Amino acid sequence: MEPIARLVQVLTKLPGIGEKTASRLAFHILGAPEEYARGLAQAIRDVKEKIRLCSVCLNITETDPCRICRDPSRDDDILCVVEEPNDLYVIDKTGIFQGKYHVLHGVISPLEGIGPDEIHIAELLDRLKDGKVKEIILATNPVVEGDATALYIKEQVKPFGVKVTRIARGIPVGGDLEYTDGATVIDALRGRHDL
């Protein structure tokens, strides 16, 4: 197989990249300066060789423990539990949450054969043993699997006496009630707060 066709084939394996986009990317790389292509290849190699999981929170990191776990200004007694590293970054870039995190790397999904042992719940429970953590915020996605995972974790942490909360959900900012589905309206009403 010629190099361009091979590159297009490899690029189509990336999520959200179809053959047309892969072809455009391949020809962009071909037309770019040599140092650009080498830099791209090196960046991909570095991600695979240098990135690992933090031994504390299981976030992706170049240093272990990660910068968040090492930060003494962050609150040790509150953990935000997220499904994936990109969820952590979405929350952290707001600057509003100043606690620590725990990344599950998935959710419980019996239909896909993913049980509690296939994600990092055991590591979360280990983090609770020293009694430092007083609250866990469950920030799993508001879908069946995310809700099931949140409920499972809630049951597992009961013996530790840790407060368990769930991120609010409902009508998005700028949303219109007229076009909002019933389940979202129900969540918004249940998650209401004082003004």
Protein backbone atom coordinates (compact mmCIF):
# COMPACT_ATOMS: atom_id res chain seq x y z
CA MET A 1 0.00 0.00 0.00
CA GLU A 2 1.39 3.42 -0.91
CA PRO A 3 2.21 5.84 1.93
CA ILE A 4 -0.68 8.28 1.30
CA ALA A 5 -3.27 5.49 1.23
CA ARG A 6 -1.76 3.99 4.39
CA LEU A 7 -1.87 7.36 6.17
CA VAL A 8 -5.50 7.90 5.13
CA GLN A 9 -6.36 4.41 6.41
CA VAL A 10 -4.68 5.08 9.77
CA LEU A 11 -6.33 8.50 10.15
CA THR A 12 -9.82 7.06 9.52
CA LYS A 13 -9.39 5.03 12.70
CA LEU A 14 -9.44 8.24 14.75
CA PRO A 15 -12.85 9.01 16.27
CA GLY A 16 -14.98 11.29 14.12
CA ILE A 17 -12.61 11.14 11.14
CA GLY A 18 -14.16 9.84 7.94
CA GLU A 19 -12.36 9.07 4.71
CA LYS A 20 -12.79 12.59 3.27
CA THR A 21 -11.39 14.28 6.36
CA ALA A 22 -8.60 11.70 6.61
CA SER A 23 -7.68 12.36 2.99
CA ARG A 24 -7.64 16.14 3.59
CA LEU A 25 -5.43 15.67 6.67
CA ALA A 26 -3.06 13.34 4.80
CA PHE A 27 -2.60 15.82 1.95
CA HIS A 28 -2.15 18.65 4.46
CA ILE A 29 0.64 16.68 6.14
CA LEU A 30 2.16 15.89 2.74
CA GLY A 31 2.17 19.57 1.76
CA ALA A 32 3.48 20.80 5.12
CA PRO A 33 7.17 21.44 5.78
CA GLU A 34 9.25 18.43 6.79
CA GLU A 35 9.73 19.77 10.33
CA TYR A 36 5.95 19.98 10.81
CA ALA A 37 5.50 16.30 9.92
CA ARG A 38 8.42 15.29 12.14
CA GLY A 39 7.03 17.41 15.00
CA LEU A 40 3.61 15.77 14.62
CA ALA A 41 5.16 12.29 14.62
CA GLN A 42 7.26 13.16 17.69
CA ALA A 43 4.25 14.58 19.54
CA ILE A 44 2.34 11.34 18.94
CA ARG A 45 5.35 9.28 20.04
CA ASP A 46 5.77 11.43 23.19
CA VAL A 47 2.13 10.95 24.17
CA LYS A 48 2.49 7.19 23.93
CA GLU A 49 5.90 7.04 25.67
CA LYS A 50 5.69 9.75 28.34
CA ILE A 51 2.06 9.89 29.45
CA ARG A 52 0.97 7.54 32.22
CA LEU A 53 -1.68 7.38 34.92
CA CYS A 54 -1.25 9.25 38.18
CA SER A 55 -0.80 6.71 40.97
CA VAL A 56 -3.20 8.70 43.18
CA CYS A 57 -6.12 9.95 41.07
CA LEU A 58 -5.56 7.98 37.83
CA ASN A 59 -5.55 11.12 35.70
CA ILE A 60 -3.21 11.13 32.73
CA THR A 61 0.08 12.81 33.56
CA GLU A 62 3.71 13.15 32.64
CA THR A 63 4.77 13.30 36.30
CA ASP A 64 3.64 11.04 39.12
CA PRO A 65 1.79 12.11 41.15
CA CYS A 66 0.09 14.60 38.84
CA ARG A 67 0.20 18.37 39.37
CA ILE A 68 -3.30 18.40 40.91
CA CYS A 69 -2.50 15.69 43.48
CA ARG A 70 0.77 17.47 44.37
CA ASP A 71 -0.86 20.88 44.78
CA PRO A 72 -0.93 21.67 48.54
CA SER A 73 -3.45 24.49 48.01
CA ARG A 74 -6.12 22.04 46.87
CA ASP A 75 -8.61 20.66 49.37
CA ASP A 76 -7.79 17.05 50.36
CA ASP A 77 -11.14 16.30 51.96
CA ILE A 78 -13.31 16.54 48.83
CA LEU A 79 -13.03 14.32 45.75
CA CYS A 80 -14.76 14.84 42.43
CA VAL A 81 -15.26 11.48 40.72
CA VAL A 82 -15.32 11.64 36.92
CA GLU A 83 -15.58 9.07 34.14
CA GLU A 84 -12.62 10.09 31.96
CA PRO A 85 -9.60 12.43 32.07
CA ASN A 86 -11.25 14.86 29.64
CA ASP A 87 -14.15 15.25 32.14
CA LEU A 88 -11.61 16.27 34.78
CA TYR A 89 -10.18 18.95 32.48
CA VAL A 90 -13.63 20.36 31.71
CA ILE A 91 -14.38 20.76 35.42
CA ASP A 92 -10.91 21.96 36.41
CA LYS A 93 -10.64 24.66 33.76
CA THR A 94 -13.67 26.41 35.33
CA GLY A 95 -11.49 27.14 38.36
CA ILE A 96 -14.48 26.73 40.68
CA PHE A 97 -13.58 23.29 42.09
CA GLN A 98 -10.49 23.34 44.29
CA GLY A 99 -10.56 19.80 45.62
CA LYS A 100 -8.95 16.66 44.26
CA TYR A 101 -10.18 14.18 41.65
CA HIS A 102 -10.60 10.50 40.96
CA VAL A 103 -10.84 9.21 37.38
CA LEU A 104 -12.79 5.97 36.86
CA HIS A 105 -11.78 5.40 33.22
CA GLY A 106 -15.25 4.27 32.27
CA VAL A 107 -18.67 3.45 33.68
CA ILE A 108 -20.51 0.30 34.64
CA SER A 109 -22.21 -1.03 31.50
CA PRO A 110 -23.49 -4.61 31.73
CA LEU A 111 -24.54 -4.56 28.07
CA GLU A 112 -20.91 -3.95 27.10
CA GLY A 113 -19.57 -6.40 29.68
CA ILE A 114 -18.11 -3.66 31.89
CA GLY A 115 -18.60 -4.31 35.58
CA PRO A 116 -17.33 -2.49 38.67
CA ASP A 117 -14.05 -4.43 38.54
CA GLU A 118 -13.24 -3.11 35.05
CA ILE A 119 -13.15 0.53 36.19
CA HIS A 120 -11.24 2.14 39.05
CA ILE A 121 -13.76 1.93 41.88
CA ALA A 122 -11.53 -0.21 44.11
CA GLU A 123 -8.84 2.47 43.97
CA LEU A 124 -11.43 5.08 44.98
CA LEU A 125 -12.43 3.00 48.00
CA ASP A 126 -8.75 2.62 48.96
CA ARG A 127 -8.44 6.42 49.01
CA LEU A 128 -11.22 6.61 51.60
CA LYS A 129 -9.58 4.29 54.13
CA ASP A 130 -7.48 6.97 55.86
CA GLY A 131 -10.58 9.03 56.70
CA LYS A 132 -9.34 12.30 55.14
CA VAL A 133 -12.04 12.49 52.48
CA LYS A 134 -15.29 13.97 53.85
CA GLU A 135 -17.25 14.39 50.58
CA ILE A 136 -17.38 12.76 47.18
CA ILE A 137 -18.97 14.61 44.27
CA LEU A 138 -20.16 12.15 41.64
CA ALA A 139 -19.73 13.84 38.26
CA THR A 140 -20.64 10.96 35.96
CA ASN A 141 -22.64 11.71 32.84
CA PRO A 142 -26.44 11.88 33.22
CA VAL A 143 -27.14 8.74 31.20
CA VAL A 144 -28.21 5.26 32.35
CA GLU A 145 -24.63 3.99 32.72
CA GLY A 146 -23.44 7.14 34.51
CA ASP A 147 -26.40 7.03 36.90
CA ALA A 148 -25.88 3.30 37.57
CA THR A 149 -22.20 3.90 38.30
CA ALA A 150 -23.04 6.79 40.64
CA LEU A 151 -25.58 4.66 42.55
CA TYR A 152 -23.12 1.77 42.82
CA ILE A 153 -20.40 4.06 44.18
CA LYS A 154 -22.84 5.63 46.64
CA GLU A 155 -23.60 2.18 48.06
CA GLN A 156 -19.93 1.20 48.22
CA VAL A 157 -18.87 4.32 50.15
CA LYS A 158 -21.62 4.09 52.80
CA PRO A 159 -19.40 2.22 55.29
CA PHE A 160 -16.88 5.07 55.19
CA GLY A 161 -19.39 7.68 56.38
CA VAL A 162 -18.48 10.00 53.53
CA LYS A 163 -21.01 12.54 52.27
CA VAL A 164 -21.96 11.71 48.67
CA THR A 165 -23.30 14.40 46.35
CA ARG A 166 -24.13 14.43 42.65
CA ILE A 167 -23.53 17.29 40.22
CA ALA A 168 -26.70 19.18 39.38
CA ARG A 169 -28.30 18.71 36.02
CA GLY A 170 -31.19 20.15 34.14
CA ILE A 171 -31.91 22.93 31.71
CA PRO A 172 -28.71 24.43 30.27
CA VAL A 173 -27.94 28.12 30.44
CA GLY A 174 -29.54 29.71 27.40
CA GLY A 175 -31.91 26.74 27.07
CA ASP A 176 -35.60 27.09 26.28
CA LEU A 177 -38.20 25.20 28.34
CA GLU A 178 -40.39 24.79 25.28
CA TYR A 179 -37.76 22.59 23.59
CA THR A 180 -36.54 20.70 26.67
CA ASP A 181 -37.43 17.03 27.10
CA GLY A 182 -39.48 15.90 30.11
CA ALA A 183 -36.67 14.01 31.84
CA THR A 184 -34.46 17.11 31.79
CA VAL A 185 -37.26 19.27 33.19
CA ILE A 186 -37.78 16.71 36.00
CA ASP A 187 -34.04 16.79 36.82
CA ALA A 188 -34.10 20.59 36.83
CA LEU A 189 -37.05 20.70 39.23
CA ARG A 190 -35.52 18.13 41.57
CA GLY A 191 -32.16 19.93 41.54
CA ARG A 192 -33.60 23.35 42.27
CA HIS A 193 -31.87 25.57 44.86
CA ASP A 194 -32.45 28.78 46.79
CA LEU A 195 -32.04 31.98 44.85
